[in-house]
Amino acid sequence: MDAATAMFPLGSVLFPYMPLPLRIFEERYRIMLGTVLDDAEPAFGVVLIERGFEAGGGDHRFGIGTFARLTHVAAGATDVHVVARGAERFEVEEWLPDDPYPRAKVRPVPDLTWNEALTPLRAEAERTVRRVLARAAEYSETSWPADVELSEDPVESSWQLAAIAPLGDLDQLRLLRSPTMGGLLAGLIDLTLAAEPVLTAGSADRSFEEELDALSRAVAAETRAEPADADEEQGDAVRDDETGDEPGDDTTPPRP
């Protein structure tokens, strides 16, 4: 694409077919919104921030992303609430100067195609993601319930599985780069299985931290409960003076 594409760097990955609710409050993005709304099919590009923050600018961004097509816009007193939907993927060819919002020249990435031979692999991916989501929910809150409803379309549901899998941003970015549908599904299974031990170890970690915190509180309470002996402290100071040391001077570090 020769024309500049309006870009909205975010701290999360947007997959095709997934909803994207946003609250726009920065002036530069309000200007961007007004610009894209003039188009017949209002859309902007979403990329994951590599370093930095969503607000304020100055961030570093990854070079692959997803078009977000606007489906709903509602203006408030100080901000604008929008809902968009992930569409085609793209790669950034060149980042342009912010004017005042981020812009880039991009080229589309071919859509993934479906082959009926992939049906067993997609079924395995769904079983894996739902099972790990259910297990992870036993230890901490998850972004998606294990029984979330998926599309009946195999391509759409495959991307939905990638989006709901309990993975980190970099793992999700790896899936977004998938060149084939088979690669997406196989990678989704492998990454979800690799994440499972970490997701299901949270309870044990919290228990250890709680025990350590309780022990620290007990030690602190015991220390506070021991009365200070003023005469003994004064005697220690006299003995220190006799030896030429400063009062309380001791090479042995205090116990934590």
Protein backbone atom coordinates (compact mmCIF):
# COMPACT_ATOMS: atom_id res chain seq x y z
CA MET A 1 0.00 0.00 0.00
CA ASP A 2 1.40 3.40 -1.05
CA ALA A 3 -0.95 5.46 1.12
CA ALA A 4 -0.20 5.96 4.80
CA THR A 5 -2.22 3.81 7.19
CA ALA A 6 -3.37 5.18 10.52
CA MET A 7 -1.85 3.08 13.30
CA PHE A 8 -2.86 2.44 16.89
CA PRO A 9 -0.04 0.67 18.81
CA LEU A 10 -1.37 -1.29 21.79
CA GLY A 11 -0.06 -3.39 24.64
CA SER A 12 -1.87 -6.47 23.35
CA VAL A 13 -2.19 -8.49 20.13
CA LEU A 14 -5.29 -8.18 17.97
CA PHE A 15 -6.20 -11.33 16.05
CA PRO A 16 -8.43 -11.51 12.98
CA TYR A 17 -12.14 -11.83 13.81
CA MET A 18 -11.68 -10.69 17.43
CA PRO A 19 -13.49 -7.67 18.94
CA LEU A 20 -11.48 -4.67 20.11
CA PRO A 21 -13.16 -2.21 22.50
CA LEU A 22 -11.23 1.04 22.99
CA ARG A 23 -11.62 4.22 24.98
CA ILE A 24 -9.93 7.01 23.05
CA PHE A 25 -8.92 10.01 25.14
CA GLU A 26 -5.64 11.24 23.64
CA GLU A 27 -6.11 14.17 21.27
CA ARG A 28 -3.91 12.63 18.58
CA TYR A 29 -6.09 9.52 18.42
CA ARG A 30 -9.26 11.59 18.41
CA ILE A 31 -7.85 13.29 15.33
CA MET A 32 -7.02 9.87 13.86
CA LEU A 33 -10.57 8.69 14.48
CA GLY A 34 -12.01 11.71 12.70
CA THR A 35 -9.74 11.01 9.73
CA VAL A 36 -10.57 7.32 9.32
CA LEU A 37 -14.30 7.94 9.76
CA ASP A 38 -14.20 9.81 6.45
CA ASP A 39 -13.32 6.53 4.69
CA ALA A 40 -15.96 4.25 3.19
CA GLU A 41 -14.74 1.39 5.43
CA PRO A 42 -13.22 3.03 8.51
CA ALA A 43 -10.22 1.08 9.79
CA PHE A 44 -6.80 1.50 11.36
CA GLY A 45 -3.83 -0.76 11.99
CA VAL A 46 -3.06 -2.33 15.37
CA VAL A 47 0.45 -3.47 16.28
CA LEU A 48 1.94 -4.71 19.53
CA ILE A 49 4.19 -2.28 21.40
CA GLU A 50 7.68 -3.75 21.80
CA ARG A 51 8.93 -1.18 24.33
CA GLY A 52 7.17 1.79 25.88
CA PHE A 53 3.58 2.63 26.70
CA GLU A 54 0.30 3.15 24.88
CA ALA A 55 -0.16 6.75 26.01
CA GLY A 56 2.25 9.58 25.33
CA GLY A 57 4.16 8.29 22.30
CA GLY A 58 7.84 7.41 22.03
CA ASP A 59 7.14 3.67 21.93
CA HIS A 60 8.89 0.99 19.83
CA ARG A 61 6.58 -1.29 17.84
CA PHE A 62 6.62 -4.71 16.22
CA GLY A 63 6.30 -4.90 12.46
CA ILE A 64 3.26 -7.14 12.04
CA GLY A 65 -0.30 -6.30 12.93
CA THR A 66 -3.99 -6.54 12.14
CA PHE A 67 -6.43 -4.11 10.58
CA ALA A 68 -9.19 -3.09 12.99
CA ARG A 69 -12.46 -2.23 11.23
CA LEU A 70 -14.73 0.10 13.18
CA THR A 71 -18.17 -1.27 13.99
CA HIS A 72 -19.37 1.17 16.67
CA VAL A 73 -18.49 4.72 17.78
CA ALA A 74 -19.97 6.60 20.75
CA ALA A 75 -18.73 10.04 21.81
CA GLY A 76 -18.59 10.96 25.48
CA ALA A 77 -17.87 14.22 27.27
CA THR A 78 -14.10 13.72 27.42
CA ASP A 79 -13.47 10.57 25.41
CA VAL A 80 -14.77 8.37 22.62
CA HIS A 81 -15.72 4.72 23.00
CA VAL A 82 -15.27 2.58 19.90
CA VAL A 83 -15.57 -1.08 19.04
CA ALA A 84 -13.59 -2.54 16.17
CA ARG A 85 -13.11 -6.03 14.76
CA GLY A 86 -9.88 -7.65 13.70
CA ALA A 87 -9.64 -8.17 9.95
CA GLU A 88 -6.69 -8.83 7.61
CA ARG A 89 -3.09 -9.01 8.78
CA PHE A 90 -0.36 -6.74 7.47
CA GLU A 91 3.39 -6.14 7.71
CA VAL A 92 4.88 -2.70 8.22
CA GLU A 93 7.14 -1.63 5.37
CA GLU A 94 8.01 1.79 6.75
CA TRP A 95 7.10 3.82 9.80
CA LEU A 96 6.27 7.43 8.95
CA PRO A 97 6.56 10.45 11.24
CA ASP A 98 3.64 10.85 13.63
CA ASP A 99 1.26 13.48 12.22
CA PRO A 100 0.09 13.74 14.97
CA TYR A 101 -0.84 10.05 15.33
CA PRO A 102 1.32 7.06 14.28
CA ARG A 103 1.30 6.24 10.56
CA ALA A 104 2.96 3.60 8.43
CA LYS A 105 3.19 2.14 4.95
CA VAL A 106 2.03 -1.47 5.13
CA ARG A 107 1.54 -4.46 2.86
CA PRO A 108 -1.19 -7.06 3.39
CA VAL A 109 -0.36 -10.57 4.55
CA PRO A 110 -2.24 -13.35 2.70
CA ASP A 111 -5.21 -14.80 4.56
CA LEU A 112 -4.86 -18.33 5.89
CA THR A 113 -6.85 -20.90 3.93
CA TRP A 114 -8.73 -23.92 5.20
CA ASN A 115 -8.25 -27.55 4.22
CA GLU A 116 -10.61 -30.24 5.49
CA ALA A 117 -7.58 -32.39 6.26
CA LEU A 118 -6.87 -29.95 9.11
CA THR A 119 -10.13 -30.80 10.92
CA PRO A 120 -8.52 -33.28 13.39
CA LEU A 121 -5.73 -30.80 14.19
CA ARG A 122 -8.21 -28.00 14.81
CA ALA A 123 -10.22 -30.31 17.09
CA GLU A 124 -7.06 -31.16 19.04
CA ALA A 125 -6.22 -27.47 19.35
CA GLU A 126 -9.69 -26.74 20.73
CA ARG A 127 -9.47 -29.59 23.26
CA THR A 128 -6.04 -28.41 24.39
CA VAL A 129 -6.98 -24.76 24.77
CA ARG A 130 -10.24 -25.48 26.59
CA ARG A 131 -8.57 -27.99 28.94
CA VAL A 132 -5.69 -25.68 29.84
CA LEU A 133 -8.08 -22.75 30.29
CA ALA A 134 -10.16 -24.83 32.70
CA ARG A 135 -7.08 -25.88 34.67
CA ALA A 136 -5.66 -22.36 34.74
CA ALA A 137 -8.98 -21.04 36.08
CA GLU A 138 -8.52 -23.24 39.16
CA TYR A 139 -5.47 -21.19 40.15
CA SER A 140 -6.19 -17.65 38.98
CA GLU A 141 -8.58 -15.56 36.92
CA THR A 142 -8.48 -16.08 33.17
CA SER A 143 -9.48 -13.67 30.43
CA TRP A 144 -11.83 -16.19 28.82
CA PRO A 145 -13.97 -19.02 30.23
CA ALA A 146 -13.12 -22.53 29.10
CA ASP A 147 -16.61 -23.00 27.62
CA VAL A 148 -16.64 -19.79 25.55
CA GLU A 149 -18.61 -20.23 22.33
CA LEU A 150 -16.66 -20.28 19.07
CA SER A 151 -17.66 -19.63 15.49
CA GLU A 152 -18.71 -22.55 13.32
CA ASP A 153 -16.41 -21.30 10.57
CA PRO A 154 -13.11 -23.24 10.86
CA VAL A 155 -10.84 -20.32 9.91
CA GLU A 156 -12.57 -17.87 12.22
CA SER A 157 -12.68 -20.34 15.12
CA SER A 158 -8.98 -21.14 14.67
CA TRP A 159 -8.09 -17.49 15.14
CA GLN A 160 -10.51 -17.30 18.06
CA LEU A 161 -8.71 -20.21 19.71
CA ALA A 162 -5.41 -18.38 19.29
CA ALA A 163 -6.95 -15.32 20.94
CA ILE A 164 -8.47 -17.08 23.97
CA ALA A 165 -5.49 -19.35 24.69
CA PRO A 166 -3.81 -18.30 27.98
CA LEU A 167 -0.58 -17.14 26.35
CA GLY A 168 1.71 -14.16 26.70
CA ASP A 169 1.93 -11.35 24.17
CA LEU A 170 5.08 -12.66 22.46
CA ASP A 171 3.58 -16.13 22.05
CA GLN A 172 0.45 -14.56 20.59
CA LEU A 173 2.59 -12.50 18.23
CA ARG A 174 4.30 -15.69 17.09
CA LEU A 175 0.89 -17.16 16.25
CA LEU A 176 -0.13 -13.99 14.42
CA ARG A 177 2.91 -14.48 12.14
CA SER A 178 1.79 -18.02 11.15
CA PRO A 179 2.21 -18.51 7.38
CA THR A 180 -0.20 -21.47 7.17
CA MET A 181 -3.31 -22.67 8.95
CA GLY A 182 -1.55 -25.90 9.89
CA GLY A 183 1.31 -23.90 11.37
CA LEU A 184 -1.12 -21.78 13.38
CA LEU A 185 -2.88 -24.81 14.87
CA ALA A 186 0.30 -26.78 15.57
CA GLY A 187 1.96 -23.74 17.13
CA LEU A 188 -1.14 -23.06 19.23
CA ILE A 189 -1.07 -26.58 20.64
CA ASP A 190 2.66 -26.49 21.40
CA LEU A 191 2.62 -23.05 23.04
CA THR A 192 -0.46 -23.82 25.13
CA LEU A 193 1.02 -27.08 26.41
CA ALA A 194 4.30 -25.31 27.19
CA ALA A 195 2.44 -22.66 29.20
CA GLU A 196 0.38 -25.15 31.21
CA PRO A 197 2.97 -25.91 33.97
CA VAL A 198 3.42 -22.21 34.69
CA LEU A 199 -0.31 -21.52 34.69
CA THR A 200 -1.03 -24.36 37.10
CA ALA A 201 1.84 -23.61 39.50
CA GLY A 202 0.31 -20.39 40.74
CA SER A 203 -1.41 -21.90 43.79
CA ALA A 204 1.79 -23.43 45.15
CA ASP A 205 3.67 -20.17 44.62
CA ARG A 206 1.05 -18.17 46.44
CA SER A 207 1.00 -20.64 49.30
CA PHE A 208 4.76 -20.33 49.75
CA GLU A 209 4.57 -16.53 49.65
CA GLU A 210 1.76 -16.55 52.19
CA GLU A 211 3.75 -18.82 54.52
CA LEU A 212 6.83 -16.61 54.17
CA ASP A 213 4.78 -13.51 54.90
CA ALA A 214 3.22 -15.13 57.96
CA LEU A 215 6.66 -16.16 59.25
CA SER A 216 7.97 -12.62 58.78
CA ARG A 217 5.03 -11.19 60.71
CA ALA A 218 5.56 -13.69 63.53
CA VAL A 219 9.25 -12.80 63.84
CA ALA A 220 8.42 -9.09 63.84
CA ALA A 221 5.77 -9.57 66.51
CA GLU A 222 8.18 -11.58 68.70
CA THR A 223 10.82 -8.87 68.38
CA ARG A 224 8.38 -6.16 69.40
CA ALA A 225 7.26 -8.24 72.38
CA GLU A 226 10.80 -8.42 73.92
CA PRO A 227 11.17 -5.54 76.50
CA ALA A 228 14.27 -3.38 76.23
CA ASP A 229 16.56 -3.52 79.34
CA ALA A 230 17.72 0.06 79.87
CA ASP A 231 20.32 -0.87 82.54
CA GLU A 232 21.81 -3.54 80.31
CA GLU A 233 21.99 -1.15 77.36
CA GLN A 234 23.71 1.46 79.59
CA GLY A 235 26.19 -1.15 80.80
CA ASP A 236 26.99 -2.09 77.23
CA ALA A 237 27.71 1.56 76.46
CA VAL A 238 30.08 1.87 79.47
CA ARG A 239 31.94 -1.27 78.43
CA ASP A 240 32.24 0.09 74.90
CA ASP A 241 33.73 3.31 76.29
CA GLU A 242 36.25 1.34 78.31
CA THR A 243 37.44 -0.49 75.22
CA GLY A 244 37.55 2.67 73.13
CA ASP A 245 34.74 1.58 70.82
CA GLU A 246 31.73 3.66 69.98
CA PRO A 247 28.57 2.71 71.89
CA GLY A 248 26.81 -0.10 70.16
CA ASP A 249 29.73 -0.65 67.76
CA ASP A 250 29.68 -4.25 66.66
CA THR A 251 31.17 -5.90 63.62
CA THR A 252 28.44 -8.52 63.66
CA PRO A 253 25.58 -7.36 61.42
CA PRO A 254 22.12 -7.30 63.02
CA ARG A 255 19.76 -10.15 62.29
CA PRO A 256 17.12 -9.26 59.70
